[in-house]
Amino acid sequence: MGKSVKILAVITFVLLFCSIYLIFSYAQIEKTMLEVQKIFYFHVSSALTLFVAFGINFVFSITYLIKRRSNADLLAASAAEIGLVFCTITLLSGPIWASTAWGTWWNWEPRLTTTLILWLMYVGYFILRSALDGENKKTFSAVFGIIAFLDAPIVYYAVDIWQEGLHPDRGTKWDLETTMQHTWMLTLLAFVLLCVLLIIVQYKQKKSEERYDIIRQKHLGKLL
């Protein structure tokens, strides 16, 4: 692990620690939902962070189709894996918050439904990768990643598109009380940096595995 990655890791974990401290010791308690509202900081931050990860997958999927470089495919796959983790966190934390805010664990409203579809599409992305080999895996994965990302803006603008649902509109996050807003912004920054850090680590792991496979194949070729 390079020096820059180590520095990024230290900064990320310091920010995560500070975020947790602010969430439970600094941010004002919401008057209606009380302590349950604190899930907001994790839920909304993970929801916005998944767009960053899937956006990186989208960019490097296009890059692979244009330049046909293996590194672009590995970065795209790494970003999709981390994005799927944050998407899962979003889908799991949402119902916990919703059970208090809406009185139900799940409601098939636009943003929830489109987020679930997004999660299923990226699960399909990895099913596709596991079913194919070589250039076909990389090419079809890139195409599928580009198509899957088209659901991301739909998720983000779902409330505006359908003009219904229980989710608040996009601007309400900036209407928070000052301590809540500061806490959320720091938490979001920590989540985004964590996302970038995990993508880098995952990419390096995949790169090492690819090199090992190349060496192993050459060694087997000499034996045969």
C-alpha atoms as a PDB file:
ATOM      1  CA  MET A   1       0.000   0.000   0.000  1.00  0.00           C
ATOM      2  CA  GLY A   2       1.479   3.323  -1.120  1.00  0.00           C
ATOM      3  CA  LYS A   3       2.145   6.290   1.124  1.00  0.00           C
ATOM      4  CA  SER A   4      -0.695   8.333  -0.405  1.00  0.00           C
ATOM      5  CA  VAL A   5      -3.161   5.512   0.257  1.00  0.00           C
ATOM      6  CA  LYS A   6      -2.009   5.276   3.864  1.00  0.00           C
ATOM      7  CA  ILE A   7      -2.484   9.023   4.303  1.00  0.00           C
ATOM      8  CA  LEU A   8      -5.961   8.754   2.777  1.00  0.00           C
ATOM      9  CA  ALA A   9      -6.757   5.895   5.165  1.00  0.00           C
ATOM     10  CA  VAL A  10      -5.670   7.897   8.203  1.00  0.00           C
ATOM     11  CA  ILE A  11      -7.695  10.947   7.117  1.00  0.00           C
ATOM     12  CA  THR A  12     -10.732   8.782   6.405  1.00  0.00           C
ATOM     13  CA  PHE A  13     -10.749   7.012   9.750  1.00  0.00           C
ATOM     14  CA  VAL A  14     -10.162  10.274  11.643  1.00  0.00           C
ATOM     15  CA  LEU A  15     -13.162  11.791   9.852  1.00  0.00           C
ATOM     16  CA  LEU A  16     -15.269   8.702  10.544  1.00  0.00           C
ATOM     17  CA  PHE A  17     -14.410   8.882  14.239  1.00  0.00           C
ATOM     18  CA  CYS A  18     -15.223  12.609  14.322  1.00  0.00           C
ATOM     19  CA  SER A  19     -18.489  11.968  12.469  1.00  0.00           C
ATOM     20  CA  ILE A  20     -19.628   9.362  14.984  1.00  0.00           C
ATOM     21  CA  TYR A  21     -18.741  11.711  17.826  1.00  0.00           C
ATOM     22  CA  LEU A  22     -20.700  14.574  16.254  1.00  0.00           C
ATOM     23  CA  ILE A  23     -23.711  12.366  15.500  1.00  0.00           C
ATOM     24  CA  PHE A  24     -24.119  11.237  19.092  1.00  0.00           C
ATOM     25  CA  SER A  25     -22.676  14.171  21.037  1.00  0.00           C
ATOM     26  CA  TYR A  26     -23.012  17.342  18.974  1.00  0.00           C
ATOM     27  CA  ALA A  27     -25.950  17.147  16.580  1.00  0.00           C
ATOM     28  CA  GLN A  28     -29.236  18.316  18.028  1.00  0.00           C
ATOM     29  CA  ILE A  29     -31.842  15.627  18.680  1.00  0.00           C
ATOM     30  CA  GLU A  30     -34.792  15.904  16.302  1.00  0.00           C
ATOM     31  CA  LYS A  31     -37.978  16.782  18.195  1.00  0.00           C
ATOM     32  CA  THR A  32     -40.357  14.320  16.506  1.00  0.00           C
ATOM     33  CA  MET A  33     -38.324  11.143  15.872  1.00  0.00           C
ATOM     34  CA  LEU A  34     -35.792  11.763  18.658  1.00  0.00           C
ATOM     35  CA  GLU A  35     -32.704   9.501  18.554  1.00  0.00           C
ATOM     36  CA  VAL A  36     -34.023   7.394  15.665  1.00  0.00           C
ATOM     37  CA  GLN A  37     -33.448  10.363  13.362  1.00  0.00           C
ATOM     38  CA  LYS A  38     -29.693   9.883  13.762  1.00  0.00           C
ATOM     39  CA  ILE A  39     -29.948   7.046  11.236  1.00  0.00           C
ATOM     40  CA  PHE A  40     -30.360   9.900   8.737  1.00  0.00           C
ATOM     41  CA  TYR A  41     -26.618  10.629   8.798  1.00  0.00           C
ATOM     42  CA  PHE A  42     -25.721   7.066   7.795  1.00  0.00           C
ATOM     43  CA  HIS A  43     -28.659   6.494   5.450  1.00  0.00           C
ATOM     44  CA  VAL A  44     -28.454   9.667   3.373  1.00  0.00           C
ATOM     45  CA  SER A  45     -24.641   9.685   3.312  1.00  0.00           C
ATOM     46  CA  SER A  46     -24.501   6.092   2.063  1.00  0.00           C
ATOM     47  CA  ALA A  47     -27.238   6.852  -0.493  1.00  0.00           C
ATOM     48  CA  LEU A  48     -25.271   9.755  -1.980  1.00  0.00           C
ATOM     49  CA  THR A  49     -21.985   7.845  -1.794  1.00  0.00           C
ATOM     50  CA  LEU A  50     -23.348   4.966  -3.857  1.00  0.00           C
ATOM     51  CA  PHE A  51     -23.823   7.452  -6.716  1.00  0.00           C
ATOM     52  CA  VAL A  52     -20.111   8.267  -6.510  1.00  0.00           C
ATOM     53  CA  ALA A  53     -19.131   4.588  -6.691  1.00  0.00           C
ATOM     54  CA  PHE A  54     -21.534   3.713  -9.494  1.00  0.00           C
ATOM     55  CA  GLY A  55     -20.480   6.902 -11.299  1.00  0.00           C
ATOM     56  CA  ILE A  56     -16.871   5.696 -11.220  1.00  0.00           C
ATOM     57  CA  ASN A  57     -18.036   2.345 -12.584  1.00  0.00           C
ATOM     58  CA  PHE A  58     -19.871   4.197 -15.373  1.00  0.00           C
ATOM     59  CA  VAL A  59     -16.817   6.291 -16.327  1.00  0.00           C
ATOM     60  CA  PHE A  60     -14.386   3.376 -16.390  1.00  0.00           C
ATOM     61  CA  SER A  61     -16.864   1.149 -18.223  1.00  0.00           C
ATOM     62  CA  ILE A  62     -16.924   3.726 -21.011  1.00  0.00           C
ATOM     63  CA  THR A  63     -13.126   4.035 -20.773  1.00  0.00           C
ATOM     64  CA  TYR A  64     -12.743   0.274 -21.231  1.00  0.00           C
ATOM     65  CA  LEU A  65     -14.974   0.199 -24.308  1.00  0.00           C
ATOM     66  CA  ILE A  66     -12.917   3.013 -25.864  1.00  0.00           C
ATOM     67  CA  LYS A  67      -9.359   2.034 -24.883  1.00  0.00           C
ATOM     68  CA  ARG A  68      -9.750  -1.702 -24.135  1.00  0.00           C
ATOM     69  CA  ARG A  69      -7.424  -1.521 -21.143  1.00  0.00           C
ATOM     70  CA  SER A  70      -7.691  -4.158 -18.445  1.00  0.00           C
ATOM     71  CA  ASN A  71      -7.047  -1.620 -15.678  1.00  0.00           C
ATOM     72  CA  ALA A  72     -10.236   0.235 -16.630  1.00  0.00           C
ATOM     73  CA  ASP A  73     -12.242  -2.974 -16.313  1.00  0.00           C
ATOM     74  CA  LEU A  74     -10.710  -3.727 -12.909  1.00  0.00           C
ATOM     75  CA  LEU A  75     -11.463  -0.210 -11.651  1.00  0.00           C
ATOM     76  CA  ALA A  76     -15.036  -0.441 -12.953  1.00  0.00           C
ATOM     77  CA  ALA A  77     -15.580  -3.774 -11.221  1.00  0.00           C
ATOM     78  CA  SER A  78     -14.019  -2.528  -7.984  1.00  0.00           C
ATOM     79  CA  ALA A  79     -16.239   0.554  -7.972  1.00  0.00           C
ATOM     80  CA  ALA A  80     -19.339  -1.557  -8.634  1.00  0.00           C
ATOM     81  CA  GLU A  81     -18.515  -3.835  -5.685  1.00  0.00           C
ATOM     82  CA  ILE A  82     -18.107  -0.933  -3.265  1.00  0.00           C
ATOM     83  CA  GLY A  83     -21.150   0.811  -4.682  1.00  0.00           C
ATOM     84  CA  LEU A  84     -23.191  -2.311  -4.075  1.00  0.00           C
ATOM     85  CA  VAL A  85     -22.049  -2.305  -0.435  1.00  0.00           C
ATOM     86  CA  PHE A  86     -23.223   1.288   0.060  1.00  0.00           C
ATOM     87  CA  CYS A  87     -26.457   0.546  -1.786  1.00  0.00           C
ATOM     88  CA  THR A  88     -27.067  -2.374   0.584  1.00  0.00           C
ATOM     89  CA  ILE A  89     -26.430  -0.124   3.594  1.00  0.00           C
ATOM     90  CA  THR A  90     -28.956   2.335   2.166  1.00  0.00           C
ATOM     91  CA  LEU A  91     -31.615  -0.339   1.680  1.00  0.00           C
ATOM     92  CA  LEU A  92     -31.067  -1.786   5.171  1.00  0.00           C
ATOM     93  CA  SER A  93     -30.917   1.500   7.073  1.00  0.00           C
ATOM     94  CA  GLY A  94     -33.905   2.978   5.253  1.00  0.00           C
ATOM     95  CA  PRO A  95     -36.549   0.611   6.668  1.00  0.00           C
ATOM     96  CA  ILE A  96     -35.227   1.108  10.224  1.00  0.00           C
ATOM     97  CA  TRP A  97     -35.762   4.842   9.855  1.00  0.00           C
ATOM     98  CA  ALA A  98     -39.030   4.390   7.939  1.00  0.00           C
ATOM     99  CA  SER A  99     -40.584   2.228  10.662  1.00  0.00           C
ATOM    100  CA  THR A 100     -40.609   5.298  12.920  1.00  0.00           C
ATOM    101  CA  ALA A 101     -40.968   8.097  10.364  1.00  0.00           C
ATOM    102  CA  TRP A 102     -43.637   6.461   8.178  1.00  0.00           C
ATOM    103  CA  GLY A 103     -45.021   3.765  10.465  1.00  0.00           C
ATOM    104  CA  THR A 104     -44.046   1.006   8.026  1.00  0.00           C
ATOM    105  CA  TRP A 105     -40.854  -0.897   7.251  1.00  0.00           C
ATOM    106  CA  TRP A 106     -41.333  -0.753   3.492  1.00  0.00           C
ATOM    107  CA  ASN A 107     -43.424   1.244   1.083  1.00  0.00           C
ATOM    108  CA  TRP A 108     -43.316   0.819  -2.682  1.00  0.00           C
ATOM    109  CA  GLU A 109     -42.846   4.505  -3.284  1.00  0.00           C
ATOM    110  CA  PRO A 110     -40.748   5.755  -6.250  1.00  0.00           C
ATOM    111  CA  ARG A 111     -37.341   6.304  -4.633  1.00  0.00           C
ATOM    112  CA  LEU A 112     -37.395   3.067  -2.633  1.00  0.00           C
ATOM    113  CA  THR A 113     -38.483   1.034  -5.635  1.00  0.00           C
ATOM    114  CA  THR A 114     -35.941   2.536  -8.028  1.00  0.00           C
ATOM    115  CA  THR A 115     -33.168   2.059  -5.446  1.00  0.00           C
ATOM    116  CA  LEU A 116     -34.084  -1.618  -5.129  1.00  0.00           C
ATOM    117  CA  ILE A 117     -34.012  -1.909  -8.925  1.00  0.00           C
ATOM    118  CA  LEU A 118     -30.567  -0.263  -8.946  1.00  0.00           C
ATOM    119  CA  TRP A 119     -29.327  -2.795  -6.367  1.00  0.00           C
ATOM    120  CA  LEU A 120     -30.716  -5.710  -8.406  1.00  0.00           C
ATOM    121  CA  MET A 121     -29.110  -4.412 -11.590  1.00  0.00           C
ATOM    122  CA  TYR A 122     -25.647  -4.320 -10.032  1.00  0.00           C
ATOM    123  CA  VAL A 123     -26.189  -7.767  -8.549  1.00  0.00           C
ATOM    124  CA  GLY A 124     -26.904  -8.789 -12.142  1.00  0.00           C
ATOM    125  CA  TYR A 125     -23.659  -7.076 -13.168  1.00  0.00           C
ATOM    126  CA  PHE A 126     -21.657  -9.507 -11.023  1.00  0.00           C
ATOM    127  CA  ILE A 127     -23.733 -12.502 -12.077  1.00  0.00           C
ATOM    128  CA  LEU A 128     -22.844 -11.585 -15.655  1.00  0.00           C
ATOM    129  CA  ARG A 129     -19.147 -11.246 -14.816  1.00  0.00           C
ATOM    130  CA  SER A 130     -19.108 -14.641 -13.123  1.00  0.00           C
ATOM    131  CA  ALA A 131     -20.791 -16.286 -16.127  1.00  0.00           C
ATOM    132  CA  LEU A 132     -18.314 -15.058 -18.753  1.00  0.00           C
ATOM    133  CA  ASP A 133     -14.566 -15.150 -19.306  1.00  0.00           C
ATOM    134  CA  GLY A 134     -11.892 -13.138 -21.048  1.00  0.00           C
ATOM    135  CA  GLU A 135     -12.775 -10.232 -23.318  1.00  0.00           C
ATOM    136  CA  ASN A 136     -16.462 -11.151 -23.373  1.00  0.00           C
ATOM    137  CA  LYS A 137     -16.651 -10.676 -19.591  1.00  0.00           C
ATOM    138  CA  LYS A 138     -15.016  -7.261 -19.774  1.00  0.00           C
ATOM    139  CA  THR A 139     -17.000  -6.027 -22.769  1.00  0.00           C
ATOM    140  CA  PHE A 140     -20.436  -7.187 -21.670  1.00  0.00           C
ATOM    141  CA  SER A 141     -19.777  -6.023 -18.100  1.00  0.00           C
ATOM    142  CA  ALA A 142     -18.873  -2.553 -19.376  1.00  0.00           C
ATOM    143  CA  VAL A 143     -22.045  -2.356 -21.471  1.00  0.00           C
ATOM    144  CA  PHE A 144     -24.178  -3.629 -18.588  1.00  0.00           C
ATOM    145  CA  GLY A 145     -22.525  -1.172 -16.166  1.00  0.00           C
ATOM    146  CA  ILE A 146     -23.376   1.743 -18.445  1.00  0.00           C
ATOM    147  CA  ILE A 147     -27.006   0.616 -18.746  1.00  0.00           C
ATOM    148  CA  ALA A 148     -27.325  -0.006 -14.992  1.00  0.00           C
ATOM    149  CA  PHE A 149     -26.078   3.489 -14.169  1.00  0.00           C
ATOM    150  CA  LEU A 150     -28.973   5.000 -16.133  1.00  0.00           C
ATOM    151  CA  ASP A 151     -31.153   4.152 -13.131  1.00  0.00           C
ATOM    152  CA  ALA A 152     -29.009   6.311 -10.795  1.00  0.00           C
ATOM    153  CA  PRO A 153     -30.380   9.710 -11.918  1.00  0.00           C
ATOM    154  CA  ILE A 154     -33.867   8.195 -11.881  1.00  0.00           C
ATOM    155  CA  VAL A 155     -33.359   7.274  -8.219  1.00  0.00           C
ATOM    156  CA  TYR A 156     -32.063  10.751  -7.404  1.00  0.00           C
ATOM    157  CA  TYR A 157     -34.916  12.585  -9.141  1.00  0.00           C
ATOM    158  CA  ALA A 158     -37.631  10.006  -8.395  1.00  0.00           C
ATOM    159  CA  VAL A 159     -39.610  12.312  -6.098  1.00  0.00           C
ATOM    160  CA  ASP A 160     -39.546  15.098  -8.702  1.00  0.00           C
ATOM    161  CA  ILE A 161     -40.427  12.759 -11.581  1.00  0.00           C
ATOM    162  CA  TRP A 162     -43.429  11.074  -9.972  1.00  0.00           C
ATOM    163  CA  GLN A 163     -44.430  13.957  -7.688  1.00  0.00           C
ATOM    164  CA  GLU A 164     -45.412  11.487  -5.008  1.00  0.00           C
ATOM    165  CA  GLY A 165     -43.940   9.291  -2.307  1.00  0.00           C
ATOM    166  CA  LEU A 166     -42.956   9.644   1.319  1.00  0.00           C
ATOM    167  CA  HIS A 167     -39.371  10.747   0.731  1.00  0.00           C
ATOM    168  CA  PRO A 168     -38.801  14.502   1.172  1.00  0.00           C
ATOM    169  CA  ASP A 169     -37.563  16.468  -1.832  1.00  0.00           C
ATOM    170  CA  ARG A 170     -33.844  16.913  -2.461  1.00  0.00           C
ATOM    171  CA  GLY A 171     -33.569  20.381  -0.942  1.00  0.00           C
ATOM    172  CA  THR A 172     -34.717  19.503   2.570  1.00  0.00           C
ATOM    173  CA  LYS A 173     -31.233  18.332   3.610  1.00  0.00           C
ATOM    174  CA  TRP A 174     -30.135  21.967   3.576  1.00  0.00           C
ATOM    175  CA  ASP A 175     -33.025  22.995   5.842  1.00  0.00           C
ATOM    176  CA  LEU A 176     -31.572  21.133   8.805  1.00  0.00           C
ATOM    177  CA  GLU A 177     -30.682  22.797  12.083  1.00  0.00           C
ATOM    178  CA  THR A 178     -27.081  24.071  11.993  1.00  0.00           C
ATOM    179  CA  THR A 179     -25.511  21.340  14.158  1.00  0.00           C
ATOM    180  CA  MET A 180     -27.326  18.673  12.132  1.00  0.00           C
ATOM    181  CA  GLN A 181     -26.185  20.178   8.842  1.00  0.00           C
ATOM    182  CA  HIS A 182     -22.538  20.382   9.949  1.00  0.00           C
ATOM    183  CA  THR A 183     -22.637  16.796  11.197  1.00  0.00           C
ATOM    184  CA  TRP A 184     -24.213  15.491   8.014  1.00  0.00           C
ATOM    185  CA  MET A 185     -21.719  17.282   5.751  1.00  0.00           C
ATOM    186  CA  LEU A 186     -18.753  15.850   7.674  1.00  0.00           C
ATOM    187  CA  THR A 187     -20.313  12.372   7.651  1.00  0.00           C
ATOM    188  CA  LEU A 188     -20.907  12.581   3.907  1.00  0.00           C
ATOM    189  CA  LEU A 189     -17.283  13.599   3.333  1.00  0.00           C
ATOM    190  CA  ALA A 190     -16.094  10.690   5.490  1.00  0.00           C
ATOM    191  CA  PHE A 191     -18.292   8.239   3.566  1.00  0.00           C
ATOM    192  CA  VAL A 192     -17.089   9.495   0.173  1.00  0.00           C
ATOM    193  CA  LEU A 193     -13.434   9.221   1.231  1.00  0.00           C
ATOM    194  CA  LEU A 194     -14.109   5.745   2.623  1.00  0.00           C
ATOM    195  CA  CYS A 195     -15.673   4.794  -0.697  1.00  0.00           C
ATOM    196  CA  VAL A 196     -12.640   6.029  -2.651  1.00  0.00           C
ATOM    197  CA  LEU A 197     -10.262   4.269  -0.243  1.00  0.00           C
ATOM    198  CA  LEU A 198     -12.109   0.959  -0.540  1.00  0.00           C
ATOM    199  CA  ILE A 199     -12.184   1.189  -4.332  1.00  0.00           C
ATOM    200  CA  ILE A 200      -8.421   1.758  -4.418  1.00  0.00           C
ATOM    201  CA  VAL A 201      -7.763  -1.171  -2.070  1.00  0.00           C
ATOM    202  CA  GLN A 202     -10.140  -3.418  -4.022  1.00  0.00           C
ATOM    203  CA  TYR A 203      -8.509  -2.415  -7.310  1.00  0.00           C
ATOM    204  CA  LYS A 204      -5.036  -3.204  -5.993  1.00  0.00           C
ATOM    205  CA  GLN A 205      -6.293  -6.587  -4.809  1.00  0.00           C
ATOM    206  CA  LYS A 206      -7.781  -7.374  -8.225  1.00  0.00           C
ATOM    207  CA  LYS A 207      -4.614  -6.192  -9.946  1.00  0.00           C
ATOM    208  CA  SER A 208      -2.533  -8.541  -7.806  1.00  0.00           C
ATOM    209  CA  GLU A 209      -4.888 -11.429  -8.595  1.00  0.00           C
ATOM    210  CA  GLU A 210      -4.645 -10.663 -12.314  1.00  0.00           C
ATOM    211  CA  ARG A 211      -0.828 -10.674 -12.185  1.00  0.00           C
ATOM    212  CA  TYR A 212      -0.873 -13.956 -10.265  1.00  0.00           C
ATOM    213  CA  ASP A 213      -3.130 -15.538 -12.886  1.00  0.00           C
ATOM    214  CA  ILE A 214      -0.826 -14.384 -15.694  1.00  0.00           C
ATOM    215  CA  ILE A 215       2.252 -15.813 -13.932  1.00  0.00           C
ATOM    216  CA  ARG A 216       0.411 -19.071 -13.159  1.00  0.00           C
ATOM    217  CA  GLN A 217      -0.715 -19.481 -16.760  1.00  0.00           C
ATOM    218  CA  LYS A 218       2.818 -18.873 -18.064  1.00  0.00           C
ATOM    219  CA  HIS A 219       4.192 -21.401 -15.583  1.00  0.00           C
ATOM    220  CA  LEU A 220       1.604 -23.997 -16.587  1.00  0.00           C
ATOM    221  CA  GLY A 221       2.353 -23.306 -20.246  1.00  0.00           C
ATOM    222  CA  LYS A 222       6.032 -24.092 -19.691  1.00  0.00           C
ATOM    223  CA  LEU A 223       5.184 -27.323 -17.874  1.00  0.00           C
ATOM    224  CA  LEU A 224       2.945 -28.456 -20.702  1.00  0.00           C
END
